[in-house]
Structure formats: C-alpha cells, structure tokens
Amino acid sequence: MEAVAARLEEFCGALSRDPDFDAPELQAYDTADVHILTAAAERVRSAAPGTVVTIGDRHGALTLGAAAVLGAGAVRSYQDPVLGERALAANAVRLGLRDRYESAPLGPELLDGAETVLVQLPRGLEALEEIAWKIARFASPTVRVFAGGRVKHMTRAQNDVLGRYFGAVTAGLGWRKSRVLQATSPLPMLAGAEPPFPKWGQDRELTFGLAAFGATFGGTKLDHGSRLLLSTFERGGAGASWADIAPGANVFDLGCGSGVLAVSAALALPSARVLASDQSDAAVRSAALTAEAAGVGERMAIHRADGAEAVADGWADLVLLNPPFHTGSTVHAGVAHRLIRDCARVLKPGGELRIVFNSHLSYRQLLERVIGPARQLQRDATFTVLEVTKR
C-alpha cells in the first residue's frame, strides 16, 4: 500500500489548481485522494475500460491518478464546480492524458455500466444523498463505491446516507487523517422509485417555491443572508426599493444558488433583463427549475460560469451578491475578493452592487477601493448588507 501511495502522491504533486482560485496554502489534492485511489487500486487496475467513474474530483487527482498510475481506461468524471472541471482538463492536457477520460453529467451517461466509483465526499449530506441514489440507480449491480474524505470533515451520518441506498457499507482504517467508506450491493427497489431530487421548499416570505439538487447552497431554504439582502428592497428601507429601479434595468445575480435573488428580481421588475450565474452545476439546474415554476424562466438567462465571465463589461445596472467564504472545505476570503472584482467590471458607472456578507469579514475597504462608495443598509449579529455605487 505504501509504495502505491507514494507513486500516487508523487503524481498528484504535479497537479495544478489553475484556473481555480489559488493561494500558497491551497493545493490541488489532499491525502483523501491518495487514500481513495490506494484503497481502490486493485479493482481499478483490473477494470475494463469505461467502468471506472469519479465523482467530486477536485482538480483531477482521482481521475488522472486512476488513469496514469493505476492504468484505468476511458474514465468518466463528474464535478459540480465548473472550475474543478476546467482544472481537470488543463491538468490532463499538460500531462498528456486528455484522451484517458471524459466528463459527463450526474446521471446514466456517467454511471451506466460503472463497476468502480471513486468519490470525494461532499461537504453536505444532501449532495451525498443525490450521488448515492444515482450510483445505486444507474451503476452496475456489482458496483463498489470508494468514498473518502478528511476525517475531520466526516460523520457517522455519511455512513447512514450510503446505507439508505446500499446493502453493505464499511469503513476502512484511517490513513494520514483520511478515511475511506466502501459501499456495495445497491438496493434493487430504486428502479421504480421516485427520485429524491430535486427537492422543493417554500418560505413564508417568498411567493414562489425553491428547487434544489443535492449540492445547491442553502438547499430548499431561504438562507439568512439572502433574506436580509431581500429585506433591503422593501419600501421604507434604507436603500432603493424594487419600485425605485428604472424600467428595463439589467440585473445580474452572481453566485445564484437556487435562484432566489434572481427570481425575486424578475418578479418584482417585469421589464428587467435578468441574468444569473453560478459555477455549480447543481445550482444552475436548481435555479432553472425555480425560475420555471415561478413563471419567469423565459425572462431569465442562467449560466454555469466562472464568476461574471458570462456578462459583458459595463452591462449591469444592479448586481446582487451573496458570496461564498470558502473554497471546497477551506475557509478563504479570496473567493469573494475575486467575485467583487468581477462586479467592478460588469457594473455600469452609477450602477449598484447590493452585497451581503458575514460581518467579521470586513469587505467594505475592498469594495470602496475597487468599485466605489458604500453605504450600510442592514446589519445584524451575523450579516451586513451594503449598497455600493460604481464610480
């Protein structure tokens, strides 16, 4: 095991995070990647081409490690974040492995005939449930799942989720603060069962329902930050209300999640052009369903994109932003800084960014430096909402 792990770690050390957000303290793989591949090594080496699948591969370690070190052919891969997908592609080209894998959506295209599935455990149980259900539903009856993560991020509840869809779930020994769960014997009753996703939720302050696939931020609930931001558009608030926004305005929801901010804008501003984007595949699929059910699907454009790359310079009259404060499982303000700079590019002179963020993160100085003057509209024990005007 140690010899295989050493070869895998040497290979993974050559991977890059580019074009994903990077910083000196971040790397393109972790020990869970190496542990998953090592645990599955014997099975991957003997696998027929096209029967090895990776899910949640961060930047290519699982997919390319399986191909280059363990000899897997025609690996299929699904990654929710578009930047992870692009980093995998860039690493594959640089290492001469582009013809050894293909990306596919999370469904039968990915999983039909899969015998071995390598999974980086997601942060949320809902995301794991969607993954587990789809593997059990579409993969081979003899599939074996190797799902691993850092021990500090793992819980017994992950075993329980896998146990809903597989007859046998076992936990391996820890290795360098990582652990791998194995699941086999998918439960046969799933073939005729109603899919558990998308899920739908309703909030008393919304006139529309929220759809959510497993990895969507906030799920089917209106998160507190978005709730606070929306409250600043009410009549009598400190900032401009929906009624004060000019007809025909261009509105952009950056990092749209389930689409709650974009759909709220589309309903409140019937003549507005509304664009939403998120780098998460689950979020984009969720936002599209939320918009369709609210009756504004034809009036909204939704893109899976890196930040604001789908928006032209100086296009937006109003940008709505509830930025993430982490990259993967690592808390890092740099992701939000990148999105704030995107806002500066896409806003028209005189246009407005309305942003909500955890108050302790103190983004105001950066906002005023790269965009323009900021005014506090709301603040509570956790979040701050600012109105920032493009100079």
Protein backbone atom coordinates (compact mmCIF):
# COMPACT_ATOMS: atom_id res chain seq x y z
CA MET A 1 0.00 0.00 0.00
CA GLU A 2 2.72 2.47 0.92
CA ALA A 3 4.52 2.01 -2.41
CA VAL A 4 1.32 2.67 -4.36
CA ALA A 5 0.52 5.65 -2.15
CA ALA A 6 3.99 7.07 -2.71
CA ARG A 7 3.64 6.80 -6.51
CA LEU A 8 0.20 8.39 -6.37
CA GLU A 9 1.37 11.20 -4.13
CA GLU A 10 4.30 11.94 -6.43
CA PHE A 11 1.92 12.09 -9.39
CA CYS A 12 -0.64 14.26 -7.58
CA GLY A 13 2.10 16.65 -6.53
CA ALA A 14 2.50 17.64 -10.19
CA LEU A 15 -1.14 18.78 -10.47
CA SER A 16 -2.20 22.41 -10.59
CA ARG A 17 -5.36 24.16 -9.35
CA ASP A 18 -5.35 26.50 -12.36
CA PRO A 19 -7.75 28.09 -13.33
CA ASP A 20 -9.40 27.63 -9.94
CA PHE A 21 -8.71 30.09 -7.14
CA ASP A 22 -5.20 29.54 -5.84
CA ALA A 23 -3.18 30.57 -2.80
CA PRO A 24 0.08 29.35 -1.21
CA GLU A 25 -1.82 27.41 1.47
CA LEU A 26 -4.01 25.55 -1.05
CA GLN A 27 -3.05 22.51 -3.13
CA ALA A 28 -4.59 20.55 -5.98
CA TYR A 29 -5.11 17.33 -3.99
CA ASP A 30 -5.26 16.05 -0.43
CA THR A 31 -4.45 12.78 1.31
CA ALA A 32 -8.05 11.62 0.85
CA ASP A 33 -7.45 11.49 -2.93
CA VAL A 34 -4.40 9.29 -2.40
CA HIS A 35 -6.20 7.11 0.15
CA ILE A 36 -9.23 6.57 -2.13
CA LEU A 37 -7.03 5.59 -5.06
CA THR A 38 -4.88 3.31 -2.92
CA ALA A 39 -7.91 1.57 -1.41
CA ALA A 40 -9.36 1.02 -4.89
CA ALA A 41 -6.04 0.25 -6.63
CA GLU A 42 -6.52 -3.49 -7.15
CA ARG A 43 -10.03 -3.05 -8.51
CA VAL A 44 -9.11 -0.14 -10.79
CA ARG A 45 -6.11 -1.98 -12.25
CA SER A 46 -8.29 -4.88 -13.33
CA ALA A 47 -11.22 -2.74 -14.53
CA ALA A 48 -12.47 -2.88 -18.10
CA PRO A 49 -12.26 0.43 -19.99
CA GLY A 50 -15.20 2.70 -19.26
CA THR A 51 -16.15 1.07 -15.95
CA VAL A 52 -14.29 3.44 -13.59
CA VAL A 53 -16.11 6.65 -12.61
CA THR A 54 -15.00 9.56 -10.44
CA ILE A 55 -17.35 11.98 -8.66
CA GLY A 56 -16.31 15.13 -6.84
CA ASP A 57 -12.73 15.09 -8.11
CA ARG A 58 -11.37 18.47 -7.03
CA HIS A 59 -8.75 19.19 -9.69
CA GLY A 60 -8.01 15.87 -11.37
CA ALA A 61 -6.23 13.77 -8.75
CA LEU A 62 -8.77 10.94 -8.75
CA THR A 63 -9.42 10.84 -12.49
CA LEU A 64 -5.87 11.30 -13.71
CA GLY A 65 -4.35 9.26 -10.88
CA ALA A 66 -6.61 6.35 -11.81
CA ALA A 67 -5.61 6.69 -15.45
CA ALA A 68 -1.90 7.46 -15.25
CA VAL A 69 -0.81 5.49 -12.18
CA LEU A 70 -3.38 2.67 -11.96
CA GLY A 71 -3.94 2.20 -15.72
CA ALA A 72 -7.69 2.84 -15.95
CA GLY A 73 -9.03 3.45 -19.44
CA ALA A 74 -11.90 5.71 -20.51
CA VAL A 75 -12.55 7.08 -17.03
CA ARG A 76 -15.81 9.04 -16.70
CA SER A 77 -15.89 12.04 -14.37
CA TYR A 78 -18.47 14.38 -12.83
CA GLN A 79 -17.56 17.58 -10.99
CA ASP A 80 -20.13 20.02 -9.70
CA PRO A 81 -17.89 23.16 -9.85
CA VAL A 82 -17.01 24.34 -13.34
CA LEU A 83 -13.55 25.42 -12.17
CA GLY A 84 -12.80 21.90 -10.96
CA GLU A 85 -13.84 20.59 -14.37
CA ARG A 86 -11.58 23.10 -16.10
CA ALA A 87 -8.65 22.34 -13.79
CA LEU A 88 -9.00 18.62 -14.56
CA ALA A 89 -9.00 19.40 -18.28
CA ALA A 90 -5.96 21.67 -18.00
CA ASN A 91 -4.00 19.10 -15.99
CA ALA A 92 -4.95 16.36 -18.46
CA VAL A 93 -3.68 18.38 -21.42
CA ARG A 94 -0.46 19.34 -19.65
CA LEU A 95 0.26 15.73 -18.66
CA GLY A 96 -0.74 14.19 -22.00
CA LEU A 97 -3.80 12.43 -20.59
CA ARG A 98 -6.65 14.20 -22.37
CA ASP A 99 -7.78 11.05 -24.18
CA ARG A 100 -7.95 9.00 -20.95
CA TYR A 101 -11.17 10.45 -19.55
CA GLU A 102 -14.40 12.26 -20.40
CA SER A 103 -16.69 14.49 -18.36
CA ALA A 104 -20.38 13.59 -18.09
CA PRO A 105 -23.48 14.83 -16.24
CA LEU A 106 -24.53 13.19 -12.98
CA GLY A 107 -26.87 10.52 -14.31
CA PRO A 108 -26.94 7.46 -16.60
CA GLU A 109 -24.44 8.99 -19.05
CA LEU A 110 -21.91 8.95 -16.21
CA LEU A 111 -22.87 5.78 -14.40
CA ASP A 112 -24.27 3.24 -16.86
CA GLY A 113 -22.13 0.10 -16.54
CA ALA A 114 -19.92 1.57 -13.80
CA GLU A 115 -18.23 -1.09 -11.68
CA THR A 116 -15.94 1.12 -9.58
CA VAL A 117 -16.88 4.63 -8.40
CA LEU A 118 -14.38 6.87 -6.64
CA VAL A 119 -15.97 9.69 -4.65
CA GLN A 120 -14.53 12.65 -2.79
CA LEU A 121 -17.15 13.01 -0.06
CA PRO A 122 -19.05 16.29 -0.47
CA ARG A 123 -19.49 18.75 2.38
CA GLY A 124 -23.26 18.31 2.61
CA LEU A 125 -25.39 15.24 3.26
CA GLU A 126 -27.91 16.29 0.61
CA ALA A 127 -25.17 16.26 -2.02
CA LEU A 128 -24.06 12.81 -0.85
CA GLU A 129 -27.63 11.53 -0.97
CA GLU A 130 -28.07 12.57 -4.60
CA ILE A 131 -24.75 10.95 -5.52
CA ALA A 132 -25.59 7.74 -3.64
CA TRP A 133 -29.06 7.48 -5.16
CA LYS A 134 -27.77 7.94 -8.69
CA ILE A 135 -24.96 5.41 -8.29
CA ALA A 136 -27.37 2.85 -6.84
CA ARG A 137 -29.94 3.55 -9.55
CA PHE A 138 -27.75 3.65 -12.67
CA ALA A 139 -24.46 1.80 -12.00
CA SER A 140 -23.85 -1.93 -12.35
CA PRO A 141 -25.44 -4.16 -9.66
CA THR A 142 -21.90 -5.26 -8.81
CA VAL A 143 -20.58 -1.71 -8.37
CA ARG A 144 -18.23 -0.90 -5.50
CA VAL A 145 -18.07 2.67 -4.22
CA PHE A 146 -14.94 4.08 -2.57
CA ALA A 147 -15.96 7.34 -0.87
CA GLY A 148 -13.31 9.15 1.12
CA GLY A 149 -12.53 12.37 2.88
CA ARG A 150 -10.56 14.00 5.63
CA VAL A 151 -11.55 12.53 8.99
CA LYS A 152 -12.24 15.97 10.47
CA HIS A 153 -14.99 16.51 7.87
CA MET A 154 -16.55 13.02 8.14
CA THR A 155 -19.51 12.00 10.30
CA ARG A 156 -21.45 8.84 11.06
CA ALA A 157 -24.36 10.38 9.15
CA GLN A 158 -22.45 9.80 5.89
CA ASN A 159 -22.49 6.05 6.57
CA ASP A 160 -26.21 6.29 7.24
CA VAL A 161 -26.87 8.10 3.94
CA LEU A 162 -24.96 5.45 1.98
CA GLY A 163 -26.83 2.78 3.94
CA ARG A 164 -30.17 4.02 2.56
CA TYR A 165 -29.12 3.00 -0.94
CA PHE A 166 -26.59 0.17 -0.47
CA GLY A 167 -26.91 -3.14 1.34
CA ALA A 168 -23.37 -3.05 2.75
CA VAL A 169 -21.34 -0.06 3.96
CA THR A 170 -17.97 -0.46 5.68
CA ALA A 171 -15.39 1.98 6.98
CA GLY A 172 -11.69 1.36 6.42
CA LEU A 173 -8.81 2.27 8.68
CA GLY A 174 -7.70 5.87 8.83
CA TRP A 175 -4.55 6.88 6.97
CA ARG A 176 -2.88 10.26 7.44
CA LYS A 177 -6.09 11.76 8.81
CA SER A 178 -8.19 10.42 5.93
CA ARG A 179 -10.69 7.56 5.77
CA VAL A 180 -12.49 5.63 3.01
CA LEU A 181 -16.01 4.20 3.17
CA GLN A 182 -16.91 1.33 0.84
CA ALA A 183 -20.46 0.64 -0.33
CA THR A 184 -21.72 -2.37 -2.30
CA SER A 185 -24.98 -4.14 -3.17
CA PRO A 186 -27.20 -1.29 -4.43
CA LEU A 187 -30.76 -1.77 -3.24
CA PRO A 188 -32.94 -3.10 -6.08
CA MET A 189 -36.15 -1.25 -5.15
CA LEU A 190 -34.73 2.01 -6.52
CA ALA A 191 -35.51 1.11 -10.15
CA GLY A 192 -39.16 2.15 -9.84
CA ALA A 193 -38.80 4.67 -7.04
CA GLU A 194 -39.45 8.38 -7.32
CA PRO A 195 -36.12 10.29 -7.49
CA PRO A 196 -35.38 12.15 -4.22
CA PHE A 197 -34.12 15.19 -6.16
CA PRO A 198 -34.89 17.90 -6.96
CA LYS A 199 -36.43 18.78 -3.63
CA TRP A 200 -38.82 21.70 -3.21
CA GLY A 201 -39.30 24.14 -0.35
CA GLN A 202 -41.47 27.13 0.45
CA ASP A 203 -40.74 30.15 2.62
CA ARG A 204 -43.37 32.41 4.17
CA GLU A 205 -41.63 35.50 2.78
CA LEU A 206 -41.49 34.22 -0.80
CA THR A 207 -44.29 33.93 -3.34
CA PHE A 208 -42.54 31.09 -5.17
CA GLY A 209 -41.07 27.70 -4.33
CA LEU A 210 -37.36 26.87 -4.23
CA ALA A 211 -35.96 23.87 -6.09
CA ALA A 212 -32.69 22.31 -5.01
CA PHE A 213 -30.49 19.49 -6.19
CA GLY A 214 -28.13 18.00 -3.63
CA ALA A 215 -25.11 20.29 -3.84
CA THR A 216 -27.07 23.57 -4.07
CA PHE A 217 -26.08 26.15 -1.46
CA GLY A 218 -28.91 26.68 1.03
CA GLY A 219 -30.95 23.76 -0.30
CA THR A 220 -34.67 24.44 -0.36
CA LYS A 221 -34.49 27.07 2.38
CA LEU A 222 -34.08 30.82 2.11
CA ASP A 223 -30.72 31.37 3.78
CA HIS A 224 -30.44 34.16 6.32
CA GLY A 225 -28.04 36.28 4.27
CA SER A 226 -30.32 36.31 1.23
CA ARG A 227 -33.32 37.03 3.45
CA LEU A 228 -31.56 40.07 4.91
CA LEU A 229 -30.50 41.30 1.46
CA LEU A 230 -34.04 40.98 0.09
CA SER A 231 -35.41 42.92 3.07
CA THR A 232 -33.46 46.00 1.94
CA PHE A 233 -35.60 46.21 -1.22
CA GLU A 234 -38.77 46.71 0.82
CA ARG A 235 -40.48 50.11 0.73
CA GLY A 236 -39.25 52.35 3.52
CA GLY A 237 -35.87 50.66 3.82
CA ALA A 238 -32.54 52.46 3.79
CA GLY A 239 -31.78 51.55 0.17
CA ALA A 240 -33.63 51.76 -3.10
CA SER A 241 -36.73 49.54 -3.20
CA TRP A 242 -37.70 47.44 -6.20
CA ALA A 243 -40.06 50.26 -7.22
CA ASP A 244 -37.15 52.72 -7.42
CA ILE A 245 -35.25 50.70 -10.03
CA ALA A 246 -35.62 52.04 -13.57
CA PRO A 247 -37.74 50.04 -16.05
CA GLY A 248 -35.71 47.85 -18.36
CA ALA A 249 -32.79 47.57 -15.93
CA ASN A 250 -30.10 44.91 -16.40
CA VAL A 251 -29.91 42.78 -13.24
CA PHE A 252 -27.23 40.17 -12.52
CA ASP A 253 -27.33 37.60 -9.71
CA LEU A 254 -23.73 36.48 -9.22
CA GLY A 255 -23.49 33.09 -7.50
CA CYS A 256 -27.20 32.46 -7.84
CA GLY A 257 -27.59 29.21 -5.90
CA SER A 258 -31.22 28.08 -6.12
CA GLY A 259 -32.08 31.34 -7.91
CA VAL A 260 -33.87 33.10 -5.05
CA LEU A 261 -32.39 36.56 -5.67
CA ALA A 262 -32.68 36.42 -9.46
CA VAL A 263 -36.27 35.16 -9.39
CA SER A 264 -37.22 37.77 -6.78
CA ALA A 265 -35.81 40.46 -9.08
CA ALA A 266 -37.57 39.07 -12.15
CA LEU A 267 -40.93 39.01 -10.35
CA ALA A 268 -40.51 42.50 -8.89
CA LEU A 269 -39.17 44.02 -12.14
CA PRO A 270 -41.30 42.71 -15.04
CA SER A 271 -39.40 44.70 -17.68
CA ALA A 272 -35.91 43.92 -16.37
CA ARG A 273 -33.37 41.73 -18.15
CA VAL A 274 -32.21 39.24 -15.52
CA LEU A 275 -29.08 37.12 -15.79
CA ALA A 276 -27.90 34.62 -13.18
CA SER A 277 -24.74 32.56 -12.94
CA ASP A 278 -23.09 30.06 -10.65
CA GLN A 279 -20.11 27.77 -11.07
CA SER A 280 -22.10 24.88 -9.53
CA ASP A 281 -23.91 22.52 -11.87
CA ALA A 282 -26.43 21.70 -9.13
CA ALA A 283 -27.12 25.39 -8.53
CA VAL A 284 -27.72 26.15 -12.21
CA ARG A 285 -30.10 23.21 -12.57
CA SER A 286 -31.91 24.30 -9.39
CA ALA A 287 -32.19 27.95 -10.44
CA ALA A 288 -33.64 26.95 -13.81
CA LEU A 289 -36.39 24.91 -12.12
CA THR A 290 -37.10 27.66 -9.57
CA ALA A 291 -37.44 30.23 -12.36
CA GLU A 292 -39.64 27.99 -14.49
CA ALA A 293 -42.01 27.22 -11.60
CA ALA A 294 -42.23 30.93 -10.74
CA GLY A 295 -43.22 31.74 -14.32
CA VAL A 296 -40.11 33.76 -15.18
CA GLY A 297 -37.98 31.07 -16.84
CA GLU A 298 -38.28 32.62 -20.31
CA ARG A 299 -37.20 36.02 -18.97
CA MET A 300 -34.03 34.81 -17.27
CA ALA A 301 -30.70 33.64 -18.67
CA ILE A 302 -28.83 31.24 -16.38
CA HIS A 303 -25.21 30.27 -16.95
CA ARG A 304 -22.79 27.83 -15.35
CA ALA A 305 -19.77 30.08 -15.33
CA ASP A 306 -16.66 31.22 -13.50
CA GLY A 307 -17.81 34.34 -11.71
CA ALA A 308 -19.12 37.00 -14.09
CA GLU A 309 -17.42 35.69 -17.23
CA ALA A 310 -20.81 35.41 -18.99
CA VAL A 311 -21.51 39.15 -18.53
CA ALA A 312 -20.20 41.95 -20.74
CA ASP A 313 -18.21 44.86 -19.32
CA GLY A 314 -20.44 47.66 -18.04
CA TRP A 315 -23.68 45.72 -18.66
CA ALA A 316 -25.32 45.65 -15.23
CA ASP A 317 -27.40 48.33 -13.56
CA LEU A 318 -27.77 46.14 -10.46
CA VAL A 319 -25.69 43.22 -9.20
CA LEU A 320 -26.89 41.01 -6.35
CA LEU A 321 -24.19 39.09 -4.49
CA ASN A 322 -24.19 36.73 -1.52
CA PRO A 323 -20.61 35.46 -1.90
CA PRO A 324 -19.16 32.22 -0.53
CA PHE A 325 -16.48 32.46 2.12
CA HIS A 326 -14.81 29.12 1.40
CA THR A 327 -13.18 27.16 -1.39
CA GLY A 328 -14.04 23.50 -1.01
CA SER A 329 -13.83 22.84 2.72
CA THR A 330 -11.29 25.62 3.34
CA VAL A 331 -12.48 28.99 4.63
CA HIS A 332 -10.85 31.65 2.45
CA ALA A 333 -11.90 35.24 1.72
CA GLY A 334 -10.05 35.23 -1.59
CA VAL A 335 -13.02 33.68 -3.43
CA ALA A 336 -15.26 36.62 -2.50
CA HIS A 337 -12.49 39.09 -3.39
CA ARG A 338 -12.39 37.61 -6.88
CA LEU A 339 -16.17 38.00 -7.27
CA ILE A 340 -16.08 41.58 -6.00
CA ARG A 341 -13.56 42.46 -8.70
CA ASP A 342 -15.89 40.84 -11.25
CA CYS A 343 -18.65 43.16 -10.04
CA ALA A 344 -16.44 46.19 -10.67
CA ARG A 345 -16.02 45.10 -14.29
CA VAL A 346 -19.65 44.36 -15.14
CA LEU A 347 -21.30 47.35 -13.43
CA LYS A 348 -22.19 50.46 -15.39
CA PRO A 349 -20.96 53.79 -14.00
CA GLY A 350 -23.59 54.68 -11.41
CA GLY A 351 -24.72 51.06 -11.20
CA GLU A 352 -25.22 49.39 -7.85
CA LEU A 353 -23.90 46.28 -6.15
CA ARG A 354 -26.04 45.08 -3.27
CA ILE A 355 -23.98 42.61 -1.28
CA VAL A 356 -24.49 40.62 1.92
CA PHE A 357 -21.60 39.05 3.80
CA ASN A 358 -20.53 37.80 7.21
CA SER A 359 -19.85 40.98 9.17
CA HIS A 360 -16.49 39.85 10.55
CA LEU A 361 -15.05 39.59 7.02
CA SER A 362 -14.85 43.38 6.63
CA TYR A 363 -15.12 43.65 2.84
CA ARG A 364 -16.02 47.34 2.87
CA GLN A 365 -12.50 48.68 2.31
CA LEU A 366 -12.01 46.46 -0.77
CA LEU A 367 -15.47 47.33 -2.12
CA GLU A 368 -14.83 51.05 -1.87
CA ARG A 369 -11.38 50.71 -3.43
CA VAL A 370 -12.36 48.65 -6.49
CA ILE A 371 -15.99 49.75 -7.05
CA GLY A 372 -16.96 52.98 -5.28
CA PRO A 373 -18.65 54.46 -2.22
CA ALA A 374 -20.52 52.04 0.06
CA ARG A 375 -23.46 52.56 2.38
CA GLN A 376 -24.63 50.15 5.07
CA LEU A 377 -28.30 49.21 4.65
CA GLN A 378 -28.68 46.43 7.20
CA ARG A 379 -26.65 44.69 9.87
CA ASP A 380 -27.48 42.05 12.44
CA ALA A 381 -25.47 39.75 14.68
CA THR A 382 -24.15 37.80 11.69
CA PHE A 383 -24.53 39.64 8.37
CA THR A 384 -24.06 43.08 6.83
CA VAL A 385 -25.76 44.38 3.69
CA LEU A 386 -24.06 47.17 1.76
CA GLU A 387 -25.12 49.26 -1.24
CA VAL A 388 -22.02 50.02 -3.35
CA THR A 389 -22.19 52.50 -6.23
CA LYS A 390 -19.85 52.18 -9.23
CA ARG A 391 -17.86 55.37 -9.59
